[in-house]
Amino acid sequence: QVQLVESGGGLVQSGGSLRLSCAFSGSSFSDYNMNWYRQAPGKQRELVASIATDGGKNYVNAVRGRFTISRDNPKNMVSLQMNNLNTGDTAVYFCNARRWPISDWWGQGTQVTVSS
């Protein structure tokens, strides 16, 4: 069974930076596409950034150019570097591991709060 543990959330002022990390265990990390989602109060969970098994990356338009997703296969870790944060980035951020066809795992989430 896959386990995902996020860390690195917190309170930061607008314009600041945070780095989220997600530790993966319980299976072969390199076989999984890794994703970061976020959910703000009263809103649906949205996909923020993805990194595929081959290292290909995708971002939602709202964060492109500010956020960077990366993975370290030997360390079984995925990270999300978030720069130039704004109040619209305030949300709970979730790490997700997905492998075709039906393996889909979630972390418990970490709160990111950006103050103006």
C-alpha atoms as a PDB file:
ATOM      1  CA  GLN A   1       0.000   0.000   0.000  1.00  0.00           C
ATOM      2  CA  VAL A   2       1.344   3.395  -1.012  1.00  0.00           C
ATOM      3  CA  GLN A   3       1.778   6.050   1.636  1.00  0.00           C
ATOM      4  CA  LEU A   4       2.290   9.734   0.911  1.00  0.00           C
ATOM      5  CA  VAL A   5       3.375  12.241   3.543  1.00  0.00           C
ATOM      6  CA  GLU A   6       3.429  15.948   2.701  1.00  0.00           C
ATOM      7  CA  SER A   7       5.454  18.573   4.512  1.00  0.00           C
ATOM      8  CA  GLY A   8       6.486  22.184   4.092  1.00  0.00           C
ATOM      9  CA  GLY A   9       3.225  24.075   4.310  1.00  0.00           C
ATOM     10  CA  GLY A  10       2.771  27.135   6.456  1.00  0.00           C
ATOM     11  CA  LEU A  11       2.005  30.835   6.590  1.00  0.00           C
ATOM     12  CA  VAL A  12       3.813  33.202   4.250  1.00  0.00           C
ATOM     13  CA  GLN A  13       3.354  36.785   3.122  1.00  0.00           C
ATOM     14  CA  SER A  14       2.323  37.646  -0.387  1.00  0.00           C
ATOM     15  CA  GLY A  15       5.362  37.529  -2.659  1.00  0.00           C
ATOM     16  CA  GLY A  16       7.075  34.929  -0.527  1.00  0.00           C
ATOM     17  CA  SER A  17       8.085  31.350  -1.236  1.00  0.00           C
ATOM     18  CA  LEU A  18       7.439  27.889   0.150  1.00  0.00           C
ATOM     19  CA  ARG A  19       8.659  24.455  -0.796  1.00  0.00           C
ATOM     20  CA  LEU A  20       6.363  21.475  -0.365  1.00  0.00           C
ATOM     21  CA  SER A  21       7.712  17.953  -0.223  1.00  0.00           C
ATOM     22  CA  CYS A  22       6.005  14.576  -0.449  1.00  0.00           C
ATOM     23  CA  ALA A  23       7.619  11.364   0.742  1.00  0.00           C
ATOM     24  CA  PHE A  24       6.458   8.213  -1.061  1.00  0.00           C
ATOM     25  CA  SER A  25       6.656   4.680   0.308  1.00  0.00           C
ATOM     26  CA  GLY A  26       5.137   1.255  -0.228  1.00  0.00           C
ATOM     27  CA  SER A  27       5.706   0.685  -3.938  1.00  0.00           C
ATOM     28  CA  SER A  28       8.006   1.549  -6.829  1.00  0.00           C
ATOM     29  CA  PHE A  29       8.077   5.343  -6.959  1.00  0.00           C
ATOM     30  CA  SER A  30       9.494   5.538 -10.463  1.00  0.00           C
ATOM     31  CA  ASP A  31       6.393   3.762 -11.832  1.00  0.00           C
ATOM     32  CA  TYR A  32       4.046   6.548 -10.695  1.00  0.00           C
ATOM     33  CA  ASN A  33       3.033   9.834 -12.207  1.00  0.00           C
ATOM     34  CA  MET A  34       3.073  12.365  -9.381  1.00  0.00           C
ATOM     35  CA  ASN A  35       0.720  15.290  -8.951  1.00  0.00           C
ATOM     36  CA  TRP A  36       0.068  18.206  -6.647  1.00  0.00           C
ATOM     37  CA  TYR A  37      -3.539  19.259  -6.155  1.00  0.00           C
ATOM     38  CA  ARG A  38      -4.978  22.026  -4.026  1.00  0.00           C
ATOM     39  CA  GLN A  39      -8.355  22.781  -2.522  1.00  0.00           C
ATOM     40  CA  ALA A  40      -9.381  26.203  -1.287  1.00  0.00           C
ATOM     41  CA  PRO A  41     -12.354  26.669   1.061  1.00  0.00           C
ATOM     42  CA  GLY A  42     -15.618  26.310  -0.813  1.00  0.00           C
ATOM     43  CA  LYS A  43     -13.908  25.286  -4.043  1.00  0.00           C
ATOM     44  CA  GLN A  44     -13.291  22.044  -5.867  1.00  0.00           C
ATOM     45  CA  ARG A  45      -9.954  20.336  -5.702  1.00  0.00           C
ATOM     46  CA  GLU A  46      -7.831  21.352  -8.672  1.00  0.00           C
ATOM     47  CA  LEU A  47      -4.730  19.926 -10.289  1.00  0.00           C
ATOM     48  CA  VAL A  48      -1.814  22.339  -9.894  1.00  0.00           C
ATOM     49  CA  ALA A  49       1.202  20.518 -11.296  1.00  0.00           C
ATOM     50  CA  SER A  50       2.146  17.096 -12.630  1.00  0.00           C
ATOM     51  CA  ILE A  51       5.365  15.246 -13.309  1.00  0.00           C
ATOM     52  CA  ALA A  52       5.298  12.055 -15.300  1.00  0.00           C
ATOM     53  CA  THR A  53       7.487   8.989 -14.940  1.00  0.00           C
ATOM     54  CA  ASP A  54       9.634  10.290 -17.813  1.00  0.00           C
ATOM     55  CA  GLY A  55      10.032  13.678 -16.125  1.00  0.00           C
ATOM     56  CA  GLY A  56       7.549  15.549 -18.305  1.00  0.00           C
ATOM     57  CA  LYS A  57       5.873  18.411 -16.447  1.00  0.00           C
ATOM     58  CA  ASN A  58       2.585  20.255 -16.693  1.00  0.00           C
ATOM     59  CA  TYR A  59       1.144  23.188 -14.781  1.00  0.00           C
ATOM     60  CA  VAL A  60      -2.184  24.901 -14.435  1.00  0.00           C
ATOM     61  CA  ASN A  61      -2.049  28.362 -16.022  1.00  0.00           C
ATOM     62  CA  ALA A  62      -2.470  30.136 -12.673  1.00  0.00           C
ATOM     63  CA  VAL A  63       0.884  28.862 -11.391  1.00  0.00           C
ATOM     64  CA  ARG A  64       2.958  28.482 -14.553  1.00  0.00           C
ATOM     65  CA  GLY A  65       6.178  30.460 -14.198  1.00  0.00           C
ATOM     66  CA  ARG A  66       5.878  30.635 -10.407  1.00  0.00           C
ATOM     67  CA  PHE A  67       5.733  26.983  -9.324  1.00  0.00           C
ATOM     68  CA  THR A  68       8.185  24.209 -10.179  1.00  0.00           C
ATOM     69  CA  ILE A  69       7.529  20.514  -9.666  1.00  0.00           C
ATOM     70  CA  SER A  70      10.418  18.070  -9.392  1.00  0.00           C
ATOM     71  CA  ARG A  71      11.012  14.468  -8.453  1.00  0.00           C
ATOM     72  CA  ASP A  72      13.930  12.599  -6.939  1.00  0.00           C
ATOM     73  CA  ASN A  73      13.507   8.942  -7.784  1.00  0.00           C
ATOM     74  CA  PRO A  74      16.360   7.600  -5.613  1.00  0.00           C
ATOM     75  CA  LYS A  75      14.893   9.430  -2.600  1.00  0.00           C
ATOM     76  CA  ASN A  76      11.235   8.639  -3.447  1.00  0.00           C
ATOM     77  CA  MET A  77      10.341  12.308  -3.157  1.00  0.00           C
ATOM     78  CA  VAL A  78       8.368  14.843  -5.141  1.00  0.00           C
ATOM     79  CA  SER A  79       8.580  18.561  -4.426  1.00  0.00           C
ATOM     80  CA  LEU A  80       6.755  21.713  -5.350  1.00  0.00           C
ATOM     81  CA  GLN A  81       8.729  24.958  -5.215  1.00  0.00           C
ATOM     82  CA  MET A  82       6.276  27.855  -4.972  1.00  0.00           C
ATOM     83  CA  ASN A  83       7.543  31.375  -5.611  1.00  0.00           C
ATOM     84  CA  ASN A  84       5.841  34.763  -5.744  1.00  0.00           C
ATOM     85  CA  LEU A  85       2.879  33.436  -3.796  1.00  0.00           C
ATOM     86  CA  ASN A  86      -0.351  35.385  -3.676  1.00  0.00           C
ATOM     87  CA  THR A  87      -3.522  35.126  -1.605  1.00  0.00           C
ATOM     88  CA  GLY A  88      -5.139  33.106  -4.393  1.00  0.00           C
ATOM     89  CA  ASP A  89      -2.691  30.303  -3.657  1.00  0.00           C
ATOM     90  CA  THR A  90      -4.124  29.786  -0.176  1.00  0.00           C
ATOM     91  CA  ALA A  91      -5.375  26.202   0.007  1.00  0.00           C
ATOM     92  CA  VAL A  92      -4.721  22.743   1.324  1.00  0.00           C
ATOM     93  CA  TYR A  93      -2.186  21.100  -0.972  1.00  0.00           C
ATOM     94  CA  PHE A  94      -2.361  17.370  -1.616  1.00  0.00           C
ATOM     95  CA  CYS A  95       0.214  15.017  -3.046  1.00  0.00           C
ATOM     96  CA  ASN A  96      -1.170  12.366  -5.426  1.00  0.00           C
ATOM     97  CA  ALA A  97       0.438   9.272  -6.921  1.00  0.00           C
ATOM     98  CA  ARG A  98      -1.179   7.687  -9.943  1.00  0.00           C
ATOM     99  CA  ARG A  99      -0.339   4.634 -12.031  1.00  0.00           C
ATOM    100  CA  TRP A 100      -2.388   3.238 -14.873  1.00  0.00           C
ATOM    101  CA  PRO A 101      -4.918   1.691 -14.749  1.00  0.00           C
ATOM    102  CA  ILE A 102      -6.366   2.026 -11.255  1.00  0.00           C
ATOM    103  CA  SER A 103      -3.683   2.843  -8.691  1.00  0.00           C
ATOM    104  CA  ASP A 104      -4.468   6.236  -7.170  1.00  0.00           C
ATOM    105  CA  TRP A 105      -3.169   7.387  -3.775  1.00  0.00           C
ATOM    106  CA  TRP A 106      -3.462  10.618  -1.764  1.00  0.00           C
ATOM    107  CA  GLY A 107      -1.605  12.261   1.057  1.00  0.00           C
ATOM    108  CA  GLN A 108      -3.313  13.889   4.017  1.00  0.00           C
ATOM    109  CA  GLY A 109      -2.687  17.420   2.768  1.00  0.00           C
ATOM    110  CA  THR A 110      -0.702  20.391   4.020  1.00  0.00           C
ATOM    111  CA  GLN A 111      -2.068  23.889   4.580  1.00  0.00           C
ATOM    112  CA  VAL A 112      -0.603  26.831   2.704  1.00  0.00           C
ATOM    113  CA  THR A 113      -1.799  30.266   3.789  1.00  0.00           C
ATOM    114  CA  VAL A 114      -0.675  33.420   2.027  1.00  0.00           C
ATOM    115  CA  SER A 115      -1.351  36.706   3.801  1.00  0.00           C
ATOM    116  CA  SER A 116      -1.640  40.054   2.048  1.00  0.00           C
END
